[in-house]
C-alpha cells in the first residue's frame, strides 16, 4: 500500500508510473505480435510468453468492445469514440503533470462521457 501511495502521491509521480505501465504494455504488445506470427507462420512458441500476452490482449479486447458498444448505443462513429477516449487520456496526463491531483483527474477520466 505504501508503494501505491507513493506512485500516486502527486501528479508527476502518477504520470511517471503511468508511463512505466505504458512502456510495459508496449513490450507485451511486441510479444503478442511475435506470438501471433509464430502461430500463423510457424516457429517456436514459449508457453509462458503466450499466456502472458493472451491475458493482456483479452483485457484490452474487452475494454475496446465496451467502448464500441457505448459508441454504437450513443450513435457515434467508432473512430470518434476512440479518438475521444485518447484525447481525454492525453488531457488528463497533461493536467496531472502540471498540477492536478491523481485522485481527482483519474476519477474524472473514468467517468462516462
PDB file of N, CA and C in Angstrom:
ATOM      1  N   UNK A   1       0.819  -1.190   0.000  1.00  0.00           N
ATOM      2  CA  UNK A   1       0.000   0.000   0.000  1.00  0.00           C
ATOM      3  C   UNK A   1       0.867   1.261   0.000  1.00  0.00           C
ATOM      4  N   UNK A   2       1.996   1.197   0.714  1.00  0.00           N
ATOM      5  CA  UNK A   2       2.888   2.365   0.732  1.00  0.00           C
ATOM      6  C   UNK A   2       3.424   2.651  -0.671  1.00  0.00           C
ATOM      7  N   UNK A   3       3.769   1.582  -1.372  1.00  0.00           N
ATOM      8  CA  UNK A   3       4.294   1.757  -2.727  1.00  0.00           C
ATOM      9  C   UNK A   3       3.248   2.404  -3.638  1.00  0.00           C
ATOM     10  N   UNK A   4       2.008   1.959  -3.535  1.00  0.00           N
ATOM     11  CA  UNK A   4       0.939   2.552  -4.324  1.00  0.00           C
ATOM     12  C   UNK A   4       0.718   4.003  -3.933  1.00  0.00           C
ATOM     13  N   UNK A   5       0.770   4.284  -2.644  1.00  0.00           N
ATOM     14  CA  UNK A   5       0.598   5.654  -2.165  1.00  0.00           C
ATOM     15  C   UNK A   5       1.679   6.562  -2.752  1.00  0.00           C
ATOM     16  N   UNK A   6       2.907   6.078  -2.814  1.00  0.00           N
ATOM     17  CA  UNK A   6       3.996   6.870  -3.387  1.00  0.00           C
ATOM     18  C   UNK A   6       3.794   7.082  -4.890  1.00  0.00           C
ATOM     19  N   UNK A   7       3.277   6.070  -5.555  1.00  0.00           N
ATOM     20  CA  UNK A   7       3.070   6.176  -7.006  1.00  0.00           C
ATOM     21  C   UNK A   7       2.031   7.229  -7.369  1.00  0.00           C
ATOM     22  N   UNK A   8       1.070   7.449  -6.493  1.00  0.00           N
ATOM     23  CA  UNK A   8       0.014   8.427  -6.777  1.00  0.00           C
ATOM     24  C   UNK A   8       0.047   9.598  -5.800  1.00  0.00           C
ATOM     25  N   UNK A   9       1.202   9.851  -5.226  1.00  0.00           N
ATOM     26  CA  UNK A   9       1.329  10.928  -4.237  1.00  0.00           C
ATOM     27  C   UNK A   9       1.047  12.299  -4.838  1.00  0.00           C
ATOM     28  N   UNK A  10       1.410  12.492  -6.098  1.00  0.00           N
ATOM     29  CA  UNK A  10       1.159  13.761  -6.776  1.00  0.00           C
ATOM     30  C   UNK A  10       1.065  13.495  -8.273  1.00  0.00           C
ATOM     31  N   UNK A  11       0.702  14.523  -9.002  1.00  0.00           N
ATOM     32  CA  UNK A  11       0.516  14.366 -10.441  1.00  0.00           C
ATOM     33  C   UNK A  11       1.732  13.837 -11.179  1.00  0.00           C
ATOM     34  N   UNK A  12       2.908  14.465 -11.035  1.00  0.00           N
ATOM     35  CA  UNK A  12       4.088  13.969 -11.742  1.00  0.00           C
ATOM     36  C   UNK A  12       4.458  12.521 -11.389  1.00  0.00           C
ATOM     37  N   UNK A  13       4.286  12.136 -10.132  1.00  0.00           N
ATOM     38  CA  UNK A  13       4.582  10.750  -9.745  1.00  0.00           C
ATOM     39  C   UNK A  13       3.620   9.791 -10.443  1.00  0.00           C
ATOM     40  N   UNK A  14       2.352  10.155 -10.503  1.00  0.00           N
ATOM     41  CA  UNK A  14       1.365   9.303 -11.172  1.00  0.00           C
ATOM     42  C   UNK A  14       1.634   9.219 -12.668  1.00  0.00           C
ATOM     43  N   UNK A  15       2.012  10.338 -13.276  1.00  0.00           N
ATOM     44  CA  UNK A  15       2.333  10.347 -14.709  1.00  0.00           C
ATOM     45  C   UNK A  15       3.528   9.440 -14.983  1.00  0.00           C
ATOM     46  N   UNK A  16       4.524   9.496 -14.122  1.00  0.00           N
ATOM     47  CA  UNK A  16       5.695   8.631 -14.274  1.00  0.00           C
ATOM     48  C   UNK A  16       5.296   7.159 -14.185  1.00  0.00           C
ATOM     49  N   UNK A  17       4.458   6.828 -13.221  1.00  0.00           N
ATOM     50  CA  UNK A  17       4.013   5.446 -13.052  1.00  0.00           C
ATOM     51  C   UNK A  17       3.206   4.983 -14.265  1.00  0.00           C
ATOM     52  N   UNK A  18       2.308   5.836 -14.753  1.00  0.00           N
ATOM     53  CA  UNK A  18       1.508   5.501 -15.934  1.00  0.00           C
ATOM     54  C   UNK A  18       2.420   5.310 -17.140  1.00  0.00           C
ATOM     55  N   UNK A  19       3.465   6.135 -17.249  1.00  0.00           N
ATOM     56  CA  UNK A  19       4.430   5.974 -18.335  1.00  0.00           C
ATOM     57  C   UNK A  19       5.126   4.623 -18.283  1.00  0.00           C
ATOM     58  N   UNK A  20       5.477   4.184 -17.082  1.00  0.00           N
ATOM     59  CA  UNK A  20       6.110   2.863 -16.936  1.00  0.00           C
ATOM     60  C   UNK A  20       5.140   1.750 -17.307  1.00  0.00           C
ATOM     61  N   UNK A  21       3.882   1.910 -16.923  1.00  0.00           N
ATOM     62  CA  UNK A  21       2.872   0.919 -17.303  1.00  0.00           C
ATOM     63  C   UNK A  21       2.693   0.882 -18.819  1.00  0.00           C
ATOM     64  N   UNK A  22       2.713   2.054 -19.434  1.00  0.00           N
ATOM     65  CA  UNK A  22       2.582   2.127 -20.890  1.00  0.00           C
ATOM     66  C   UNK A  22       3.773   1.478 -21.578  1.00  0.00           C
ATOM     67  N   UNK A  23       4.973   1.684 -21.036  1.00  0.00           N
ATOM     68  CA  UNK A  23       6.167   1.040 -21.596  1.00  0.00           C
ATOM     69  C   UNK A  23       6.064  -0.479 -21.497  1.00  0.00           C
ATOM     70  N   UNK A  24       5.565  -0.975 -20.363  1.00  0.00           N
ATOM     71  CA  UNK A  24       5.383  -2.417 -20.199  1.00  0.00           C
ATOM     72  C   UNK A  24       4.343  -2.941 -21.187  1.00  0.00           C
ATOM     73  N   UNK A  25       3.306  -2.163 -21.420  1.00  0.00           N
ATOM     74  CA  UNK A  25       2.284  -2.552 -22.390  1.00  0.00           C
ATOM     75  C   UNK A  25       2.883  -2.661 -23.793  1.00  0.00           C
ATOM     76  N   UNK A  26       3.777  -1.745 -24.136  1.00  0.00           N
ATOM     77  CA  UNK A  26       4.434  -1.806 -25.450  1.00  0.00           C
ATOM     78  C   UNK A  26       5.257  -3.078 -25.588  1.00  0.00           C
ATOM     79  N   UNK A  27       5.971  -3.460 -24.531  1.00  0.00           N
ATOM     80  CA  UNK A  27       6.770  -4.693 -24.554  1.00  0.00           C
ATOM     81  C   UNK A  27       5.855  -5.899 -24.728  1.00  0.00           C
ATOM     82  N   UNK A  28       4.769  -5.917 -23.973  1.00  0.00           N
ATOM     83  CA  UNK A  28       3.842  -7.052 -24.072  1.00  0.00           C
ATOM     84  C   UNK A  28       3.170  -7.098 -25.435  1.00  0.00           C
ATOM     85  N   UNK A  29       2.882  -5.935 -26.017  1.00  0.00           N
ATOM     86  CA  UNK A  29       2.289  -5.920 -27.346  1.00  0.00           C
ATOM     87  C   UNK A  29       3.266  -6.482 -28.370  1.00  0.00           C
ATOM     88  N   UNK A  30       4.545  -6.141 -28.248  1.00  0.00           N
ATOM     89  CA  UNK A  30       5.547  -6.707 -29.164  1.00  0.00           C
ATOM     90  C   UNK A  30       5.597  -8.224 -29.007  1.00  0.00           C
ATOM     91  N   UNK A  31       5.484  -8.711 -27.782  1.00  0.00           N
ATOM     92  CA  UNK A  31       5.437 -10.165 -27.553  1.00  0.00           C
ATOM     93  C   UNK A  31       4.201 -10.768 -28.195  1.00  0.00           C
ATOM     94  N   UNK A  32       3.086 -10.046 -28.096  1.00  0.00           N
ATOM     95  CA  UNK A  32       1.847 -10.541 -28.695  1.00  0.00           C
ATOM     96  C   UNK A  32       1.983 -10.658 -30.210  1.00  0.00           C
ATOM     97  N   UNK A  33       2.617  -9.676 -30.823  1.00  0.00           N
ATOM     98  CA  UNK A  33       2.827  -9.717 -32.276  1.00  0.00           C
ATOM     99  C   UNK A  33       3.711 -10.905 -32.640  1.00  0.00           C
ATOM    100  N   UNK A  34       4.783 -11.110 -31.887  1.00  0.00           N
ATOM    101  CA  UNK A  34       5.666 -12.254 -32.166  1.00  0.00           C
ATOM    102  C   UNK A  34       4.939 -13.575 -31.948  1.00  0.00           C
ATOM    103  N   UNK A  35       4.108 -13.634 -30.913  1.00  0.00           N
ATOM    104  CA  UNK A  35       3.344 -14.847 -30.647  1.00  0.00           C
ATOM    105  C   UNK A  35       2.369 -15.122 -31.788  1.00  0.00           C
ATOM    106  N   UNK A  36       1.677 -14.086 -32.217  1.00  0.00           N
ATOM    107  CA  UNK A  36       0.747 -14.250 -33.344  1.00  0.00           C
ATOM    108  C   UNK A  36       1.479 -14.723 -34.584  1.00  0.00           C
ATOM    109  N   UNK A  37       2.627 -14.111 -34.863  1.00  0.00           N
ATOM    110  CA  UNK A  37       3.406 -14.510 -36.036  1.00  0.00           C
ATOM    111  C   UNK A  37       3.867 -15.958 -35.939  1.00  0.00           C
ATOM    112  N   UNK A  38       4.252 -16.382 -34.751  1.00  0.00           N
ATOM    113  CA  UNK A  38       4.678 -17.772 -34.570  1.00  0.00           C
ATOM    114  C   UNK A  38       3.512 -18.724 -34.830  1.00  0.00           C
ATOM    115  N   UNK A  39       2.324 -18.329 -34.386  1.00  0.00           N
ATOM    116  CA  UNK A  39       1.160 -19.183 -34.608  1.00  0.00           C
ATOM    117  C   UNK A  39       0.766 -19.224 -36.085  1.00  0.00           C
ATOM    118  N   UNK A  40       0.834 -18.090 -36.745  1.00  0.00           N
ATOM    119  CA  UNK A  40       0.411 -18.014 -38.148  1.00  0.00           C
ATOM    120  C   UNK A  40       1.446 -18.624 -39.083  1.00  0.00           C
ATOM    121  N   UNK A  41       2.719 -18.298 -38.857  1.00  0.00           N
ATOM    122  CA  UNK A  41       3.764 -18.694 -39.793  1.00  0.00           C
ATOM    123  C   UNK A  41       4.582 -19.894 -39.336  1.00  0.00           C
ATOM    124  N   UNK A  42       4.313 -20.357 -38.151  1.00  0.00           N
ATOM    125  CA  UNK A  42       5.095 -21.461 -37.608  1.00  0.00           C
ATOM    126  C   UNK A  42       6.347 -20.925 -36.940  1.00  0.00           C
ATOM    127  N   UNK A  43       6.858 -21.660 -36.026  1.00  0.00           N
ATOM    128  CA  UNK A  43       8.055 -21.234 -35.327  1.00  0.00           C
ATOM    129  C   UNK A  43       7.945 -21.540 -33.854  1.00  0.00           C
ATOM    130  N   UNK A  44       8.997 -21.244 -33.116  1.00  0.00           N
ATOM    131  CA  UNK A  44       8.985 -21.568 -31.690  1.00  0.00           C
ATOM    132  C   UNK A  44       8.002 -20.682 -30.927  1.00  0.00           C
ATOM    133  N   UNK A  45       7.345 -21.296 -29.985  1.00  0.00           N
ATOM    134  CA  UNK A  45       6.383 -20.579 -29.164  1.00  0.00           C
ATOM    135  C   UNK A  45       6.664 -20.919 -27.706  1.00  0.00           C
ATOM    136  N   UNK A  46       6.916 -19.890 -26.910  1.00  0.00           N
ATOM    137  CA  UNK A  46       7.203 -20.092 -25.494  1.00  0.00           C
ATOM    138  C   UNK A  46       5.885 -19.963 -24.730  1.00  0.00           C
ATOM    139  N   UNK A  47       5.420 -21.045 -24.119  1.00  0.00           N
ATOM    140  CA  UNK A  47       4.104 -21.032 -23.466  1.00  0.00           C
ATOM    141  C   UNK A  47       3.919 -19.910 -22.440  1.00  0.00           C
ATOM    142  N   UNK A  48       4.924 -19.619 -21.624  1.00  0.00           N
ATOM    143  CA  UNK A  48       4.774 -18.582 -20.591  1.00  0.00           C
ATOM    144  C   UNK A  48       4.528 -17.218 -21.228  1.00  0.00           C
ATOM    145  N   UNK A  49       5.219 -16.928 -22.322  1.00  0.00           N
ATOM    146  CA  UNK A  49       5.013 -15.642 -23.010  1.00  0.00           C
ATOM    147  C   UNK A  49       3.628 -15.609 -23.640  1.00  0.00           C
ATOM    148  N   UNK A  50       3.240 -16.699 -24.276  1.00  0.00           N
ATOM    149  CA  UNK A  50       1.911 -16.755 -24.889  1.00  0.00           C
ATOM    150  C   UNK A  50       0.825 -16.531 -23.837  1.00  0.00           C
ATOM    151  N   UNK A  51       0.967 -17.156 -22.683  1.00  0.00           N
ATOM    152  CA  UNK A  51      -0.027 -16.993 -21.618  1.00  0.00           C
ATOM    153  C   UNK A  51      -0.103 -15.550 -21.135  1.00  0.00           C
ATOM    154  N   UNK A  52       1.044 -14.882 -21.008  1.00  0.00           N
ATOM    155  CA  UNK A  52       1.039 -13.506 -20.507  1.00  0.00           C
ATOM    156  C   UNK A  52       0.389 -12.551 -21.506  1.00  0.00           C
ATOM    157  N   UNK A  53       0.611 -12.769 -22.798  1.00  0.00           N
ATOM    158  CA  UNK A  53       0.034 -11.837 -23.772  1.00  0.00           C
ATOM    159  C   UNK A  53      -1.440 -12.113 -24.007  1.00  0.00           C
ATOM    160  N   UNK A  54      -1.861 -13.357 -23.872  1.00  0.00           N
ATOM    161  CA  UNK A  54      -3.281 -13.665 -24.062  1.00  0.00           C
ATOM    162  C   UNK A  54      -4.113 -12.940 -23.016  1.00  0.00           C
ATOM    163  N   UNK A  55      -3.663 -12.938 -21.782  1.00  0.00           N
ATOM    164  CA  UNK A  55      -4.403 -12.248 -20.716  1.00  0.00           C
ATOM    165  C   UNK A  55      -4.483 -10.744 -20.995  1.00  0.00           C
ATOM    166  N   UNK A  56      -3.352 -10.146 -21.407  1.00  0.00           N
ATOM    167  CA  UNK A  56      -3.338  -8.719 -21.698  1.00  0.00           C
ATOM    168  C   UNK A  56      -4.259  -8.391 -22.873  1.00  0.00           C
ATOM    169  N   UNK A  57      -4.148  -9.155 -23.950  1.00  0.00           N
ATOM    170  CA  UNK A  57      -4.971  -8.880 -25.125  1.00  0.00           C
ATOM    171  C   UNK A  57      -6.448  -9.110 -24.845  1.00  0.00           C
ATOM    172  N   UNK A  58      -6.761 -10.072 -24.010  1.00  0.00           N
ATOM    173  CA  UNK A  58      -8.144 -10.312 -23.629  1.00  0.00           C
ATOM    174  C   UNK A  58      -8.701  -9.100 -22.883  1.00  0.00           C
ATOM    175  N   UNK A  59      -7.911  -8.542 -21.975  1.00  0.00           N
ATOM    176  CA  UNK A  59      -8.339  -7.353 -21.235  1.00  0.00           C
ATOM    177  C   UNK A  59      -8.527  -6.149 -22.144  1.00  0.00           C
ATOM    178  N   UNK A  60      -7.572  -5.944 -23.051  1.00  0.00           N
ATOM    179  CA  UNK A  60      -7.685  -4.813 -23.983  1.00  0.00           C
ATOM    180  C   UNK A  60      -8.865  -4.993 -24.925  1.00  0.00           C
ATOM    181  N   UNK A  61      -9.055  -6.222 -25.383  1.00  0.00           N
ATOM    182  CA  UNK A  61     -10.179  -6.502 -26.278  1.00  0.00           C
ATOM    183  C   UNK A  61     -11.512  -6.284 -25.587  1.00  0.00           C
ATOM    184  N   UNK A  62     -11.613  -6.684 -24.336  1.00  0.00           N
ATOM    185  CA  UNK A  62     -12.855  -6.471 -23.574  1.00  0.00           C
ATOM    186  C   UNK A  62     -13.137  -4.988 -23.410  1.00  0.00           C
ATOM    187  N   UNK A  63     -12.089  -4.212 -23.096  1.00  0.00           N
ATOM    188  CA  UNK A  63     -12.275  -2.770 -22.934  1.00  0.00           C
ATOM    189  C   UNK A  63     -12.690  -2.125 -24.254  1.00  0.00           C
ATOM    190  N   UNK A  64     -12.044  -2.522 -25.337  1.00  0.00           N
ATOM    191  CA  UNK A  64     -12.388  -1.956 -26.649  1.00  0.00           C
ATOM    192  C   UNK A  64     -13.828  -2.301 -27.028  1.00  0.00           C
ATOM    193  N   UNK A  65     -14.256  -3.524 -26.726  1.00  0.00           N
ATOM    194  CA  UNK A  65     -15.629  -3.919 -27.030  1.00  0.00           C
ATOM    195  C   UNK A  65     -16.622  -3.064 -26.252  1.00  0.00           C
ATOM    196  N   UNK A  66     -16.323  -2.777 -24.988  1.00  0.00           N
ATOM    197  CA  UNK A  66     -17.202  -1.897 -24.209  1.00  0.00           C
ATOM    198  C   UNK A  66     -17.303  -0.520 -24.854  1.00  0.00           C
ATOM    199  N   UNK A  67     -16.170   0.005 -25.321  1.00  0.00           N
ATOM    200  CA  UNK A  67     -16.183   1.321 -25.965  1.00  0.00           C
ATOM    201  C   UNK A  67     -16.991   1.286 -27.257  1.00  0.00           C
ATOM    202  N   UNK A  68     -16.873   0.204 -28.012  1.00  0.00           N
ATOM    203  CA  UNK A  68     -17.635   0.060 -29.250  1.00  0.00           C
ATOM    204  C   UNK A  68     -19.128   0.026 -28.939  1.00  0.00           C
ATOM    205  N   UNK A  69     -19.508  -0.751 -27.948  1.00  0.00           N
ATOM    206  CA  UNK A  69     -20.928  -0.841 -27.584  1.00  0.00           C
ATOM    207  C   UNK A  69     -21.441   0.515 -27.121  1.00  0.00           C
ATOM    208  N   UNK A  70     -20.663   1.222 -26.293  1.00  0.00           N
ATOM    209  CA  UNK A  70     -21.062   2.564 -25.859  1.00  0.00           C
ATOM    210  C   UNK A  70     -21.220   3.501 -27.055  1.00  0.00           C
ATOM    211  N   UNK A  71     -20.275   3.421 -27.991  1.00  0.00           N
ATOM    212  CA  UNK A  71     -20.336   4.275 -29.175  1.00  0.00           C
ATOM    213  C   UNK A  71     -21.550   3.974 -30.032  1.00  0.00           C
ATOM    214  N   UNK A  72     -21.811   2.696 -30.265  1.00  0.00           N
ATOM    215  CA  UNK A  72     -22.976   2.323 -31.063  1.00  0.00           C
ATOM    216  C   UNK A  72     -24.272   2.735 -30.381  1.00  0.00           C
ATOM    217  N   UNK A  73     -24.326   2.558 -29.070  1.00  0.00           N
ATOM    218  CA  UNK A  73     -25.524   2.961 -28.324  1.00  0.00           C
ATOM    219  C   UNK A  73     -25.724   4.470 -28.387  1.00  0.00           C
ATOM    220  N   UNK A  74     -24.623   5.214 -28.412  1.00  0.00           N
ATOM    221  CA  UNK A  74     -24.703   6.667 -28.499  1.00  0.00           C
ATOM    222  C   UNK A  74     -24.750   7.187 -29.918  1.00  0.00           C
ATOM    223  N   UNK A  75     -24.845   6.253 -30.884  1.00  0.00           N
ATOM    224  CA  UNK A  75     -24.896   6.584 -32.310  1.00  0.00           C
ATOM    225  C   UNK A  75     -23.724   7.469 -32.732  1.00  0.00           C
ATOM    226  N   UNK A  76     -22.526   7.124 -32.242  1.00  0.00           N
ATOM    227  CA  UNK A  76     -21.312   7.843 -32.607  1.00  0.00           C
ATOM    228  C   UNK A  76     -20.489   6.975 -33.552  1.00  0.00           C
ATOM    229  N   UNK A  77     -19.730   7.627 -34.406  1.00  0.00           N
ATOM    230  CA  UNK A  77     -18.804   6.900 -35.276  1.00  0.00           C
ATOM    231  C   UNK A  77     -17.701   6.318 -34.398  1.00  0.00           C
ATOM    232  N   UNK A  78     -17.318   5.084 -34.669  1.00  0.00           N
ATOM    233  CA  UNK A  78     -16.335   4.420 -33.807  1.00  0.00           C
ATOM    234  C   UNK A  78     -14.987   5.135 -33.765  1.00  0.00           C
ATOM    235  N   UNK A  79     -14.474   5.666 -34.895  1.00  0.00           N
ATOM    236  CA  UNK A  79     -13.216   6.430 -34.757  1.00  0.00           C
ATOM    237  C   UNK A  79     -13.363   7.618 -33.816  1.00  0.00           C
ATOM    238  N   UNK A  80     -14.532   8.242 -33.821  1.00  0.00           N
ATOM    239  CA  UNK A  80     -14.785   9.368 -32.911  1.00  0.00           C
ATOM    240  C   UNK A  80     -14.742   8.907 -31.460  1.00  0.00           C
ATOM    241  N   UNK A  81     -15.305   7.738 -31.174  1.00  0.00           N
ATOM    242  CA  UNK A  81     -15.316   7.198 -29.810  1.00  0.00           C
ATOM    243  C   UNK A  81     -13.889   6.973 -29.328  1.00  0.00           C
ATOM    244  N   UNK A  82     -13.066   6.316 -30.150  1.00  0.00           N
ATOM    245  CA  UNK A  82     -11.695   6.011 -29.743  1.00  0.00           C
ATOM    246  C   UNK A  82     -10.846   7.285 -29.676  1.00  0.00           C
ATOM    247  N   UNK A  83     -11.051   8.212 -30.602  1.00  0.00           N
ATOM    248  CA  UNK A  83     -10.306   9.470 -30.560  1.00  0.00           C
ATOM    249  C   UNK A  83     -10.666  10.281 -29.325  1.00  0.00           C
ATOM    250  N   UNK A  84     -11.942  10.254 -28.933  1.00  0.00           N
ATOM    251  CA  UNK A  84     -12.370  10.961 -27.728  1.00  0.00           C
ATOM    252  C   UNK A  84     -11.715  10.360 -26.491  1.00  0.00           C
ATOM    253  N   UNK A  85     -11.677   9.033 -26.409  1.00  0.00           N
ATOM    254  CA  UNK A  85     -11.027   8.376 -25.266  1.00  0.00           C
ATOM    255  C   UNK A  85      -9.547   8.741 -25.206  1.00  0.00           C
ATOM    256  N   UNK A  86      -8.880   8.727 -26.344  1.00  0.00           N
ATOM    257  CA  UNK A  86      -7.449   9.060 -26.389  1.00  0.00           C
ATOM    258  C   UNK A  86      -7.218  10.512 -25.981  1.00  0.00           C
ATOM    259  N   UNK A  87      -8.055  11.434 -26.495  1.00  0.00           N
ATOM    260  CA  UNK A  87      -7.917  12.848 -26.149  1.00  0.00           C
ATOM    261  C   UNK A  87      -8.110  13.047 -24.651  1.00  0.00           C
ATOM    262  N   UNK A  88      -9.115  12.389 -24.069  1.00  0.00           N
ATOM    263  CA  UNK A  88      -9.349  12.520 -22.626  1.00  0.00           C
ATOM    264  C   UNK A  88      -8.161  12.002 -21.827  1.00  0.00           C
ATOM    265  N   UNK A  89      -7.576  10.893 -22.271  1.00  0.00           N
ATOM    266  CA  UNK A  89      -6.401  10.338 -21.593  1.00  0.00           C
ATOM    267  C   UNK A  89      -5.228  11.323 -21.656  1.00  0.00           C
ATOM    268  N   UNK A  90      -4.948  11.848 -22.837  1.00  0.00           N
ATOM    269  CA  UNK A  90      -3.827  12.785 -23.007  1.00  0.00           C
ATOM    270  C   UNK A  90      -4.061  14.052 -22.193  1.00  0.00           C
ATOM    271  N   UNK A  91      -5.279  14.583 -22.229  1.00  0.00           N
ATOM    272  CA  UNK A  91      -5.586  15.787 -21.446  1.00  0.00           C
ATOM    273  C   UNK A  91      -5.406  15.536 -19.947  1.00  0.00           C
ATOM    274  N   UNK A  92      -5.830  14.363 -19.485  1.00  0.00           N
ATOM    275  CA  UNK A  92      -5.685  14.014 -18.072  1.00  0.00           C
ATOM    276  C   UNK A  92      -4.218  13.923 -17.678  1.00  0.00           C
ATOM    277  N   UNK A  93      -3.418  13.272 -18.503  1.00  0.00           N
ATOM    278  CA  UNK A  93      -1.984  13.154 -18.238  1.00  0.00           C
ATOM    279  C   UNK A  93      -1.345  14.546 -18.182  1.00  0.00           C
ATOM    280  N   UNK A  94      -1.709  15.397 -19.130  1.00  0.00           N
ATOM    281  CA  UNK A  94      -1.150  16.760 -19.147  1.00  0.00           C
ATOM    282  C   UNK A  94      -1.511  17.531 -17.881  1.00  0.00           C
ATOM    283  N   UNK A  95      -2.773  17.449 -17.462  1.00  0.00           N
ATOM    284  CA  UNK A  95      -3.184  18.176 -16.254  1.00  0.00           C
ATOM    285  C   UNK A  95      -2.493  17.623 -15.015  1.00  0.00           C
ATOM    286  N   UNK A  96      -2.365  16.290 -14.938  1.00  0.00           N
ATOM    287  CA  UNK A  96      -1.694  15.699 -13.772  1.00  0.00           C
ATOM    288  C   UNK A  96      -0.240  16.110 -13.733  1.00  0.00           C
ATOM    289  N   UNK A  97       0.405  16.156 -14.878  1.00  0.00           N
ATOM    290  CA  UNK A  97       1.811  16.523 -14.909  1.00  0.00           C
ATOM    291  C   UNK A  97       2.000  17.964 -14.462  1.00  0.00           C
ATOM    292  N   UNK A  98       1.060  18.822 -14.840  1.00  0.00           N
ATOM    293  CA  UNK A  98       1.167  20.237 -14.484  1.00  0.00           C
ATOM    294  C   UNK A  98       0.886  20.469 -13.001  1.00  0.00           C
ATOM    295  N   UNK A  99      -0.274  20.039 -12.541  1.00  0.00           N
ATOM    296  CA  UNK A  99      -0.599  20.325 -11.135  1.00  0.00           C
ATOM    297  C   UNK A  99      -1.778  19.529 -10.594  1.00  0.00           C
ATOM    298  N   UNK A 100      -2.421  18.760 -11.416  1.00  0.00           N
ATOM    299  CA  UNK A 100      -3.609  18.055 -10.964  1.00  0.00           C
ATOM    300  C   UNK A 100      -3.295  16.956  -9.962  1.00  0.00           C
ATOM    301  N   UNK A 101      -4.285  16.636  -9.171  1.00  0.00           N
ATOM    302  CA  UNK A 101      -4.114  15.537  -8.231  1.00  0.00           C
ATOM    303  C   UNK A 101      -4.574  14.251  -8.920  1.00  0.00           C
ATOM    304  N   UNK A 102      -3.830  13.180  -8.762  1.00  0.00           N
ATOM    305  CA  UNK A 102      -4.204  11.922  -9.423  1.00  0.00           C
ATOM    306  C   UNK A 102      -5.617  11.463  -9.076  1.00  0.00           C
ATOM    307  N   UNK A 103      -6.009  11.586  -7.815  1.00  0.00           N
ATOM    308  CA  UNK A 103      -7.320  11.114  -7.415  1.00  0.00           C
ATOM    309  C   UNK A 103      -8.429  11.844  -8.174  1.00  0.00           C
ATOM    310  N   UNK A 104      -8.311  13.153  -8.281  1.00  0.00           N
ATOM    311  CA  UNK A 104      -9.338  13.930  -8.964  1.00  0.00           C
ATOM    312  C   UNK A 104      -9.322  13.654 -10.467  1.00  0.00           C
ATOM    313  N   UNK A 105      -8.135  13.676 -11.048  1.00  0.00           N
ATOM    314  CA  UNK A 105      -8.021  13.511 -12.500  1.00  0.00           C
ATOM    315  C   UNK A 105      -8.434  12.118 -12.952  1.00  0.00           C
ATOM    316  N   UNK A 106      -7.999  11.099 -12.242  1.00  0.00           N
ATOM    317  CA  UNK A 106      -8.335   9.743 -12.653  1.00  0.00           C
ATOM    318  C   UNK A 106      -9.813   9.445 -12.449  1.00  0.00           C
ATOM    319  N   UNK A 107     -10.412  10.005 -11.413  1.00  0.00           N
ATOM    320  CA  UNK A 107     -11.845   9.787 -11.237  1.00  0.00           C
ATOM    321  C   UNK A 107     -12.621  10.463 -12.358  1.00  0.00           C
ATOM    322  N   UNK A 108     -12.145  11.611 -12.835  1.00  0.00           N
ATOM    323  CA  UNK A 108     -12.781  12.279 -13.971  1.00  0.00           C
ATOM    324  C   UNK A 108     -12.585  11.484 -15.251  1.00  0.00           C
ATOM    325  N   UNK A 109     -11.406  10.918 -15.435  1.00  0.00           N
ATOM    326  CA  UNK A 109     -11.109  10.147 -16.633  1.00  0.00           C
ATOM    327  C   UNK A 109     -12.000   8.917 -16.725  1.00  0.00           C
ATOM    328  N   UNK A 110     -12.322   8.316 -15.600  1.00  0.00           N
ATOM    329  CA  UNK A 110     -13.101   7.086 -15.602  1.00  0.00           C
ATOM    330  C   UNK A 110     -14.597   7.317 -15.780  1.00  0.00           C
ATOM    331  N   UNK A 111     -15.043   8.550 -15.658  1.00  0.00           N
ATOM    332  CA  UNK A 111     -16.464   8.846 -15.847  1.00  0.00           C
ATOM    333  C   UNK A 111     -16.847   8.624 -17.305  1.00  0.00           C
ATOM    334  N   UNK A 112     -18.063   8.197 -17.499  1.00  0.00           N
ATOM    335  CA  UNK A 112     -18.563   8.029 -18.859  1.00  0.00           C
ATOM    336  C   UNK A 112     -18.807   9.391 -19.464  1.00  0.00           C
ATOM    337  N   UNK A 113     -18.537   9.530 -20.769  1.00  0.00           N
ATOM    338  CA  UNK A 113     -18.787  10.831 -21.420  1.00  0.00           C
ATOM    339  C   UNK A 113     -20.251  11.178 -21.476  1.00  0.00           C
TER     340      UNK A 113
END
